Amino acid sequence: MSVSLGGKVVALIGRGSDSDRAAAIACAEAGADLALATLSTDQAAEFGMNSIANEAWVLGSEQFVRIMDATDPKAVASFVEETWARYGGCNAVVVTTVTPRIVSETFVRRMKASGGGVLVYIGEAGGRATELEEIASGNSVSVRRVSGETEVVAAIAGLA
């Protein structure tokens, strides 16, 4: 069964790791446009995320990369605003175990104002899932825990 994310926008903040690549490319293959950002300003993260963007470009996905420190509230807010300015919104943000809380909070506030969305959480549940549910609670944003890139696509597709 083929799942379509045509017309959807997915944000992913990461290190450019293999798991970041798998999730982002699965979304691009399903038709999503991507807003990609780094967790830190180190060269490896910059290279990794730009490499992911190049792969998404080959697949025909619109994308951009923001090199930022994801613990800086101003940088995160600027990335969120750029995502809305370029795409008119964001349907899902992919969150990993290392994504700072400020990223989730900022996206949730903006998604709520736009009618909702989903936080897709990749990784071990632990206390992090509870934290994300707390952030999303009452904000028209759902939290879905997944373990692989195929599940990411299905969780995002299921929001509409």
N, C-alpha and C. Protein backbone atom coordinates (compact mmCIF):
# COMPACT_ATOMS: atom_id res chain seq x y z
N MET A 1 0.83 -1.18 0.00
CA MET A 1 0.00 0.00 0.00
C MET A 1 0.89 1.25 0.00
N SER A 2 0.57 2.17 -0.89
CA SER A 2 1.31 3.41 -1.01
C SER A 2 0.66 4.50 -0.17
N VAL A 3 1.47 5.23 0.56
CA VAL A 3 0.97 6.32 1.39
C VAL A 3 1.45 7.63 0.77
N SER A 4 0.56 8.61 0.66
CA SER A 4 0.92 9.90 0.07
C SER A 4 1.01 10.99 1.12
N LEU A 5 2.06 11.77 1.02
CA LEU A 5 2.20 12.97 1.84
C LEU A 5 2.22 14.20 0.93
N GLY A 6 1.69 14.06 -0.28
CA GLY A 6 1.62 15.18 -1.20
C GLY A 6 0.88 16.34 -0.55
N GLY A 7 1.44 17.54 -0.64
CA GLY A 7 0.82 18.71 -0.04
C GLY A 7 1.12 18.89 1.44
N LYS A 8 1.86 17.98 2.05
CA LYS A 8 2.21 18.07 3.47
C LYS A 8 3.62 18.65 3.61
N VAL A 9 3.86 19.27 4.75
CA VAL A 9 5.17 19.81 5.08
C VAL A 9 5.64 19.16 6.38
N VAL A 10 6.85 18.65 6.35
CA VAL A 10 7.44 17.98 7.50
C VAL A 10 8.72 18.70 7.91
N ALA A 11 8.84 19.01 9.18
CA ALA A 11 10.07 19.59 9.72
C ALA A 11 10.83 18.51 10.47
N LEU A 12 12.13 18.48 10.29
CA LEU A 12 12.98 17.53 10.99
C LEU A 12 14.23 18.26 11.43
N ILE A 13 14.53 18.19 12.70
CA ILE A 13 15.71 18.83 13.26
C ILE A 13 16.61 17.71 13.76
N GLY A 14 17.84 17.67 13.28
CA GLY A 14 18.71 16.57 13.66
C GLY A 14 20.18 16.83 13.42
N ARG A 15 20.91 15.73 13.38
CA ARG A 15 22.37 15.76 13.21
C ARG A 15 22.80 15.34 11.82
N GLY A 16 21.82 15.00 10.98
CA GLY A 16 22.16 14.49 9.66
C GLY A 16 22.54 13.03 9.72
N SER A 17 22.07 12.34 10.74
CA SER A 17 22.40 10.94 10.98
C SER A 17 21.66 10.03 10.00
N ASP A 18 22.00 8.76 10.03
CA ASP A 18 21.31 7.78 9.18
C ASP A 18 19.82 7.72 9.48
N SER A 19 19.44 7.82 10.76
CA SER A 19 18.02 7.78 11.10
C SER A 19 17.32 9.06 10.66
N ASP A 20 17.99 10.21 10.74
CA ASP A 20 17.42 11.46 10.21
C ASP A 20 17.19 11.32 8.71
N ARG A 21 18.18 10.79 8.02
CA ARG A 21 18.10 10.59 6.57
C ARG A 21 16.94 9.66 6.22
N ALA A 22 16.83 8.56 6.91
CA ALA A 22 15.79 7.57 6.62
C ALA A 22 14.40 8.20 6.77
N ALA A 23 14.18 8.91 7.85
CA ALA A 23 12.87 9.53 8.09
C ALA A 23 12.58 10.62 7.05
N ALA A 24 13.55 11.50 6.81
CA ALA A 24 13.34 12.60 5.86
C ALA A 24 13.12 12.08 4.44
N ILE A 25 13.91 11.12 4.02
CA ILE A 25 13.78 10.62 2.65
C ILE A 25 12.50 9.81 2.49
N ALA A 26 12.09 9.09 3.50
CA ALA A 26 10.79 8.39 3.42
C ALA A 26 9.67 9.40 3.22
N CYS A 27 9.74 10.52 3.92
CA CYS A 27 8.72 11.57 3.76
C CYS A 27 8.80 12.19 2.37
N ALA A 28 10.01 12.47 1.89
CA ALA A 28 10.17 13.04 0.55
C ALA A 28 9.66 12.07 -0.52
N GLU A 29 9.97 10.79 -0.37
CA GLU A 29 9.48 9.79 -1.34
C GLU A 29 7.96 9.74 -1.36
N ALA A 30 7.34 10.03 -0.22
CA ALA A 30 5.88 10.02 -0.13
C ALA A 30 5.27 11.35 -0.61
N GLY A 31 6.12 12.32 -0.96
CA GLY A 31 5.64 13.56 -1.53
C GLY A 31 5.69 14.79 -0.65
N ALA A 32 6.20 14.67 0.56
CA ALA A 32 6.24 15.82 1.48
C ALA A 32 7.36 16.79 1.10
N ASP A 33 7.12 18.06 1.41
CA ASP A 33 8.18 19.06 1.37
C ASP A 33 8.83 19.09 2.74
N LEU A 34 10.11 19.46 2.78
CA LEU A 34 10.88 19.34 4.02
C LEU A 34 11.46 20.66 4.49
N ALA A 35 11.39 20.89 5.79
CA ALA A 35 12.09 21.97 6.48
C ALA A 35 13.10 21.26 7.38
N LEU A 36 14.36 21.39 7.06
CA LEU A 36 15.42 20.66 7.78
C LEU A 36 16.29 21.64 8.55
N ALA A 37 16.66 21.27 9.76
CA ALA A 37 17.54 22.11 10.56
C ALA A 37 18.48 21.24 11.38
N THR A 38 19.58 21.82 11.75
CA THR A 38 20.56 21.10 12.56
C THR A 38 20.31 21.35 14.03
N LEU A 39 20.72 20.38 14.84
CA LEU A 39 20.66 20.54 16.29
C LEU A 39 21.76 21.47 16.78
N SER A 40 22.88 21.48 16.06
CA SER A 40 24.02 22.31 16.44
C SER A 40 24.67 22.86 15.18
N THR A 41 25.58 23.77 15.36
CA THR A 41 26.22 24.40 14.21
C THR A 41 27.51 23.70 13.78
N ASP A 42 27.73 22.48 14.26
CA ASP A 42 28.98 21.80 13.90
C ASP A 42 28.96 21.37 12.44
N GLN A 43 30.15 21.23 11.88
CA GLN A 43 30.32 20.95 10.46
C GLN A 43 29.71 19.61 10.05
N ALA A 44 29.81 18.61 10.89
CA ALA A 44 29.26 17.29 10.55
C ALA A 44 27.74 17.35 10.40
N ALA A 45 27.07 18.07 11.30
CA ALA A 45 25.61 18.22 11.21
C ALA A 45 25.24 18.99 9.95
N GLU A 46 25.97 20.05 9.67
CA GLU A 46 25.71 20.84 8.45
C GLU A 46 25.85 19.99 7.20
N PHE A 47 26.92 19.24 7.13
CA PHE A 47 27.15 18.37 5.98
C PHE A 47 26.04 17.33 5.86
N GLY A 48 25.71 16.69 6.97
CA GLY A 48 24.69 15.64 6.96
C GLY A 48 23.33 16.14 6.52
N MET A 49 22.89 17.28 7.07
CA MET A 49 21.56 17.79 6.71
C MET A 49 21.53 18.30 5.27
N ASN A 50 22.61 18.91 4.80
CA ASN A 50 22.66 19.33 3.40
C ASN A 50 22.67 18.14 2.46
N SER A 51 23.30 17.07 2.86
CA SER A 51 23.29 15.84 2.07
C SER A 51 21.87 15.28 1.96
N ILE A 52 21.14 15.30 3.07
CA ILE A 52 19.74 14.86 3.08
C ILE A 52 18.91 15.75 2.15
N ALA A 53 19.13 17.06 2.21
CA ALA A 53 18.40 17.99 1.34
C ALA A 53 18.68 17.70 -0.13
N ASN A 54 19.93 17.39 -0.45
CA ASN A 54 20.27 17.06 -1.84
C ASN A 54 19.53 15.81 -2.31
N GLU A 55 19.46 14.82 -1.45
CA GLU A 55 18.73 13.60 -1.79
C GLU A 55 17.25 13.89 -2.00
N ALA A 56 16.68 14.71 -1.14
CA ALA A 56 15.27 15.08 -1.26
C ALA A 56 15.03 15.87 -2.55
N TRP A 57 15.97 16.73 -2.91
CA TRP A 57 15.87 17.51 -4.14
C TRP A 57 15.80 16.59 -5.36
N VAL A 58 16.65 15.55 -5.37
CA VAL A 58 16.65 14.58 -6.47
C VAL A 58 15.28 13.91 -6.58
N LEU A 59 14.62 13.72 -5.46
CA LEU A 59 13.29 13.09 -5.45
C LEU A 59 12.18 14.07 -5.82
N GLY A 60 12.52 15.34 -5.99
CA GLY A 60 11.53 16.35 -6.37
C GLY A 60 10.87 17.04 -5.20
N SER A 61 11.39 16.85 -4.02
CA SER A 61 10.83 17.48 -2.83
C SER A 61 11.38 18.89 -2.66
N GLU A 62 10.51 19.84 -2.37
CA GLU A 62 10.97 21.17 -1.99
C GLU A 62 11.60 21.02 -0.61
N GLN A 63 12.70 21.72 -0.37
CA GLN A 63 13.35 21.61 0.92
C GLN A 63 14.27 22.80 1.15
N PHE A 64 14.56 23.04 2.42
CA PHE A 64 15.60 24.00 2.78
C PHE A 64 16.24 23.52 4.07
N VAL A 65 17.45 23.99 4.30
CA VAL A 65 18.21 23.62 5.50
C VAL A 65 18.57 24.88 6.26
N ARG A 66 18.36 24.85 7.55
CA ARG A 66 18.78 25.93 8.44
C ARG A 66 19.85 25.36 9.37
N ILE A 67 21.01 25.98 9.35
CA ILE A 67 22.09 25.59 10.27
C ILE A 67 21.88 26.42 11.54
N MET A 68 21.61 25.73 12.66
CA MET A 68 21.30 26.47 13.88
C MET A 68 21.68 25.66 15.11
N ASP A 69 21.65 26.35 16.22
CA ASP A 69 21.77 25.72 17.53
C ASP A 69 20.34 25.58 18.05
N ALA A 70 19.84 24.35 18.13
CA ALA A 70 18.45 24.11 18.50
C ALA A 70 18.16 24.35 19.97
N THR A 71 19.15 24.79 20.75
CA THR A 71 18.88 25.18 22.13
C THR A 71 18.68 26.69 22.25
N ASP A 72 18.85 27.40 21.14
CA ASP A 72 18.69 28.86 21.11
C ASP A 72 17.25 29.20 20.72
N PRO A 73 16.44 29.71 21.65
CA PRO A 73 15.03 30.00 21.35
C PRO A 73 14.83 30.92 20.15
N LYS A 74 15.71 31.91 19.97
CA LYS A 74 15.58 32.82 18.82
C LYS A 74 15.84 32.10 17.50
N ALA A 75 16.82 31.22 17.48
CA ALA A 75 17.13 30.46 16.27
C ALA A 75 15.97 29.52 15.92
N VAL A 76 15.41 28.87 16.93
CA VAL A 76 14.28 27.95 16.71
C VAL A 76 13.08 28.73 16.20
N ALA A 77 12.77 29.87 16.83
CA ALA A 77 11.63 30.68 16.39
C ALA A 77 11.82 31.16 14.96
N SER A 78 13.03 31.53 14.61
CA SER A 78 13.32 31.97 13.25
C SER A 78 13.13 30.82 12.25
N PHE A 79 13.55 29.62 12.61
CA PHE A 79 13.36 28.45 11.74
C PHE A 79 11.87 28.15 11.54
N VAL A 80 11.10 28.22 12.62
CA VAL A 80 9.66 27.98 12.53
C VAL A 80 9.02 29.02 11.62
N GLU A 81 9.37 30.29 11.81
CA GLU A 81 8.80 31.36 10.97
C GLU A 81 9.19 31.19 9.51
N GLU A 82 10.44 30.79 9.26
CA GLU A 82 10.87 30.56 7.88
C GLU A 82 10.08 29.41 7.25
N THR A 83 9.80 28.38 8.03
CA THR A 83 9.00 27.26 7.52
C THR A 83 7.62 27.75 7.09
N TRP A 84 6.97 28.55 7.92
CA TRP A 84 5.64 29.07 7.57
C TRP A 84 5.72 30.04 6.39
N ALA A 85 6.77 30.86 6.34
CA ALA A 85 6.91 31.82 5.24
C ALA A 85 7.11 31.10 3.89
N ARG A 86 7.89 30.04 3.89
CA ARG A 86 8.16 29.31 2.64
C ARG A 86 7.00 28.44 2.20
N TYR A 87 6.36 27.76 3.17
CA TYR A 87 5.38 26.73 2.83
C TYR A 87 3.95 27.06 3.25
N GLY A 88 3.77 28.10 4.03
CA GLY A 88 2.43 28.43 4.49
C GLY A 88 1.96 27.59 5.67
N GLY A 89 2.85 26.80 6.23
CA GLY A 89 2.49 25.97 7.37
C GLY A 89 3.40 24.78 7.51
N CYS A 90 3.07 23.94 8.48
CA CYS A 90 3.82 22.71 8.73
C CYS A 90 2.84 21.71 9.35
N ASN A 91 2.77 20.53 8.76
CA ASN A 91 1.84 19.51 9.23
C ASN A 91 2.41 18.63 10.33
N ALA A 92 3.73 18.45 10.30
CA ALA A 92 4.34 17.52 11.26
C ALA A 92 5.76 17.94 11.55
N VAL A 93 6.17 17.71 12.78
CA VAL A 93 7.57 17.88 13.15
C VAL A 93 8.04 16.54 13.69
N VAL A 94 9.18 16.09 13.17
CA VAL A 94 9.76 14.82 13.59
C VAL A 94 10.74 15.12 14.71
N VAL A 95 10.51 14.50 15.85
CA VAL A 95 11.27 14.74 17.07
C VAL A 95 12.05 13.48 17.42
N THR A 96 13.32 13.65 17.76
CA THR A 96 14.13 12.52 18.20
C THR A 96 14.41 12.65 19.69
N THR A 97 15.06 11.66 20.23
CA THR A 97 15.34 11.67 21.67
C THR A 97 16.21 12.85 22.08
N VAL A 98 16.96 13.42 21.14
CA VAL A 98 17.88 14.49 21.50
C VAL A 98 17.36 15.88 21.15
N THR A 99 16.18 15.98 20.56
CA THR A 99 15.64 17.28 20.18
C THR A 99 15.27 18.08 21.43
N PRO A 100 15.79 19.29 21.57
CA PRO A 100 15.47 20.10 22.75
C PRO A 100 13.97 20.42 22.85
N ARG A 101 13.48 20.54 24.05
CA ARG A 101 12.07 20.81 24.32
C ARG A 101 11.59 22.08 23.61
N ILE A 102 12.44 23.10 23.53
CA ILE A 102 12.05 24.37 22.91
C ILE A 102 11.59 24.18 21.47
N VAL A 103 12.15 23.21 20.76
CA VAL A 103 11.74 22.94 19.38
C VAL A 103 10.28 22.49 19.36
N SER A 104 9.95 21.51 20.18
CA SER A 104 8.58 21.00 20.23
C SER A 104 7.61 22.08 20.64
N GLU A 105 7.95 22.84 21.68
CA GLU A 105 7.05 23.89 22.17
C GLU A 105 6.78 24.95 21.11
N THR A 106 7.82 25.37 20.41
CA THR A 106 7.67 26.42 19.40
C THR A 106 6.84 25.94 18.22
N PHE A 107 7.10 24.73 17.75
CA PHE A 107 6.29 24.20 16.65
C PHE A 107 4.85 23.99 17.08
N VAL A 108 4.62 23.48 18.27
CA VAL A 108 3.25 23.23 18.74
C VAL A 108 2.46 24.54 18.79
N ARG A 109 3.05 25.60 19.33
CA ARG A 109 2.35 26.90 19.38
C ARG A 109 1.94 27.35 17.98
N ARG A 110 2.85 27.23 17.03
CA ARG A 110 2.57 27.69 15.66
C ARG A 110 1.57 26.77 14.97
N MET A 111 1.69 25.45 15.18
CA MET A 111 0.74 24.52 14.58
C MET A 111 -0.66 24.72 15.14
N LYS A 112 -0.75 25.00 16.43
CA LYS A 112 -2.06 25.24 17.05
C LYS A 112 -2.73 26.43 16.37
N ALA A 113 -1.98 27.50 16.16
CA ALA A 113 -2.53 28.69 15.52
C ALA A 113 -2.96 28.43 14.08
N SER A 114 -2.42 27.38 13.49
CA SER A 114 -2.75 27.03 12.10
C SER A 114 -3.73 25.87 11.99
N GLY A 115 -4.29 25.43 13.10
CA GLY A 115 -5.30 24.38 13.05
C GLY A 115 -4.85 23.01 13.50
N GLY A 116 -3.57 22.83 13.85
CA GLY A 116 -3.12 21.55 14.39
C GLY A 116 -2.04 20.89 13.57
N GLY A 117 -1.66 19.71 14.02
CA GLY A 117 -0.60 18.95 13.38
C GLY A 117 -0.24 17.76 14.24
N VAL A 118 0.93 17.23 14.00
CA VAL A 118 1.37 16.06 14.74
C VAL A 118 2.86 16.17 15.06
N LEU A 119 3.22 15.74 16.27
CA LEU A 119 4.62 15.55 16.64
C LEU A 119 4.87 14.05 16.49
N VAL A 120 5.79 13.69 15.62
CA VAL A 120 6.13 12.28 15.44
C VAL A 120 7.44 12.06 16.17
N TYR A 121 7.39 11.19 17.17
CA TYR A 121 8.52 10.95 18.06
C TYR A 121 9.19 9.64 17.69
N ILE A 122 10.47 9.69 17.35
CA ILE A 122 11.25 8.49 17.03
C ILE A 122 12.16 8.20 18.21
N GLY A 123 12.08 7.01 18.75
CA GLY A 123 13.01 6.65 19.81
C GLY A 123 12.33 5.95 20.96
N GLU A 124 13.11 5.71 21.98
CA GLU A 124 12.60 5.07 23.18
C GLU A 124 11.64 6.01 23.88
N ALA A 125 10.54 5.46 24.33
CA ALA A 125 9.48 6.29 24.92
C ALA A 125 9.96 6.96 26.21
N GLY A 126 10.16 6.20 27.25
CA GLY A 126 10.60 6.76 28.52
C GLY A 126 9.79 7.97 28.93
N GLY A 127 10.40 8.93 29.61
CA GLY A 127 9.74 10.15 30.03
C GLY A 127 9.55 11.15 28.91
N ARG A 128 10.28 10.99 27.83
CA ARG A 128 10.20 11.94 26.72
C ARG A 128 8.82 11.95 26.08
N ALA A 129 8.20 10.79 25.90
CA ALA A 129 6.87 10.72 25.30
C ALA A 129 5.86 11.45 26.17
N THR A 130 5.95 11.29 27.47
CA THR A 130 5.05 11.97 28.39
C THR A 130 5.24 13.48 28.28
N GLU A 131 6.49 13.93 28.19
CA GLU A 131 6.78 15.35 28.04
C GLU A 131 6.14 15.90 26.77
N LEU A 132 6.27 15.17 25.66
CA LEU A 132 5.70 15.63 24.39
C LEU A 132 4.18 15.67 24.45
N GLU A 133 3.57 14.67 25.08
CA GLU A 133 2.11 14.67 25.23
C GLU A 133 1.66 15.87 26.05
N GLU A 134 2.43 16.23 27.07
CA GLU A 134 2.11 17.39 27.89
C GLU A 134 2.18 18.67 27.06
N ILE A 135 3.21 18.81 26.23
CA ILE A 135 3.37 19.99 25.38
C ILE A 135 2.21 20.10 24.41
N ALA A 136 1.81 18.99 23.81
CA ALA A 136 0.77 18.98 22.78
C ALA A 136 -0.65 19.06 23.34
N SER A 137 -0.83 18.68 24.59
CA SER A 137 -2.16 18.60 25.20
C SER A 137 -2.94 19.91 25.06
N GLY A 138 -4.15 19.80 24.54
CA GLY A 138 -5.01 20.96 24.40
C GLY A 138 -4.61 21.92 23.30
N ASN A 139 -3.71 21.50 22.43
CA ASN A 139 -3.20 22.39 21.38
C ASN A 139 -3.52 21.93 19.96
N SER A 140 -4.46 21.02 19.80
CA SER A 140 -4.82 20.50 18.48
C SER A 140 -3.64 19.80 17.79
N VAL A 141 -2.70 19.32 18.58
CA VAL A 141 -1.53 18.61 18.07
C VAL A 141 -1.48 17.26 18.75
N SER A 142 -1.32 16.21 17.95
CA SER A 142 -1.23 14.87 18.52
C SER A 142 0.23 14.42 18.55
N VAL A 143 0.52 13.46 19.40
CA VAL A 143 1.85 12.89 19.51
C VAL A 143 1.76 11.43 19.11
N ARG A 144 2.64 11.01 18.22
CA ARG A 144 2.67 9.61 17.80
C ARG A 144 4.10 9.11 17.90
N ARG A 145 4.28 8.03 18.66
CA ARG A 145 5.59 7.40 18.79
C ARG A 145 5.73 6.34 17.71
N VAL A 146 6.86 6.36 17.02
CA VAL A 146 7.12 5.39 15.96
C VAL A 146 8.53 4.84 16.12
N SER A 147 8.80 3.75 15.44
CA SER A 147 10.14 3.17 15.54
C SER A 147 10.91 3.18 14.23
N GLY A 148 10.26 3.47 13.12
CA GLY A 148 10.97 3.45 11.85
C GLY A 148 10.41 4.42 10.85
N GLU A 149 11.15 4.61 9.74
CA GLU A 149 10.76 5.62 8.76
C GLU A 149 9.41 5.34 8.10
N THR A 150 9.05 4.07 7.90
CA THR A 150 7.75 3.76 7.31
C THR A 150 6.64 4.19 8.25
N GLU A 151 6.83 3.99 9.53
CA GLU A 151 5.84 4.41 10.51
C GLU A 151 5.73 5.93 10.58
N VAL A 152 6.83 6.65 10.34
CA VAL A 152 6.79 8.11 10.33
C VAL A 152 5.82 8.57 9.26
N VAL A 153 5.97 8.04 8.05
CA VAL A 153 5.12 8.42 6.93
C VAL A 153 3.65 8.11 7.25
N ALA A 154 3.39 6.94 7.76
CA ALA A 154 2.01 6.56 8.07
C ALA A 154 1.41 7.45 9.16
N ALA A 155 2.20 7.81 10.17
CA ALA A 155 1.70 8.66 11.26
C ALA A 155 1.35 10.04 10.73
N ILE A 156 2.18 10.58 9.84
CA ILE A 156 1.90 11.90 9.28
C ILE A 156 0.71 11.85 8.34
N ALA A 157 0.64 10.83 7.50
CA ALA A 157 -0.48 10.68 6.58
C ALA A 157 -1.79 10.53 7.34
N GLY A 158 -1.76 9.92 8.50
CA GLY A 158 -2.95 9.70 9.28
C GLY A 158 -3.51 10.94 9.95
N LEU A 159 -2.80 12.08 9.90
CA LEU A 159 -3.29 13.26 10.58
C LEU A 159 -4.41 13.96 9.83
N ALA A 160 -4.49 13.73 8.53
CA ALA A 160 -5.50 14.45 7.72
C ALA A 160 -6.84 13.77 7.75
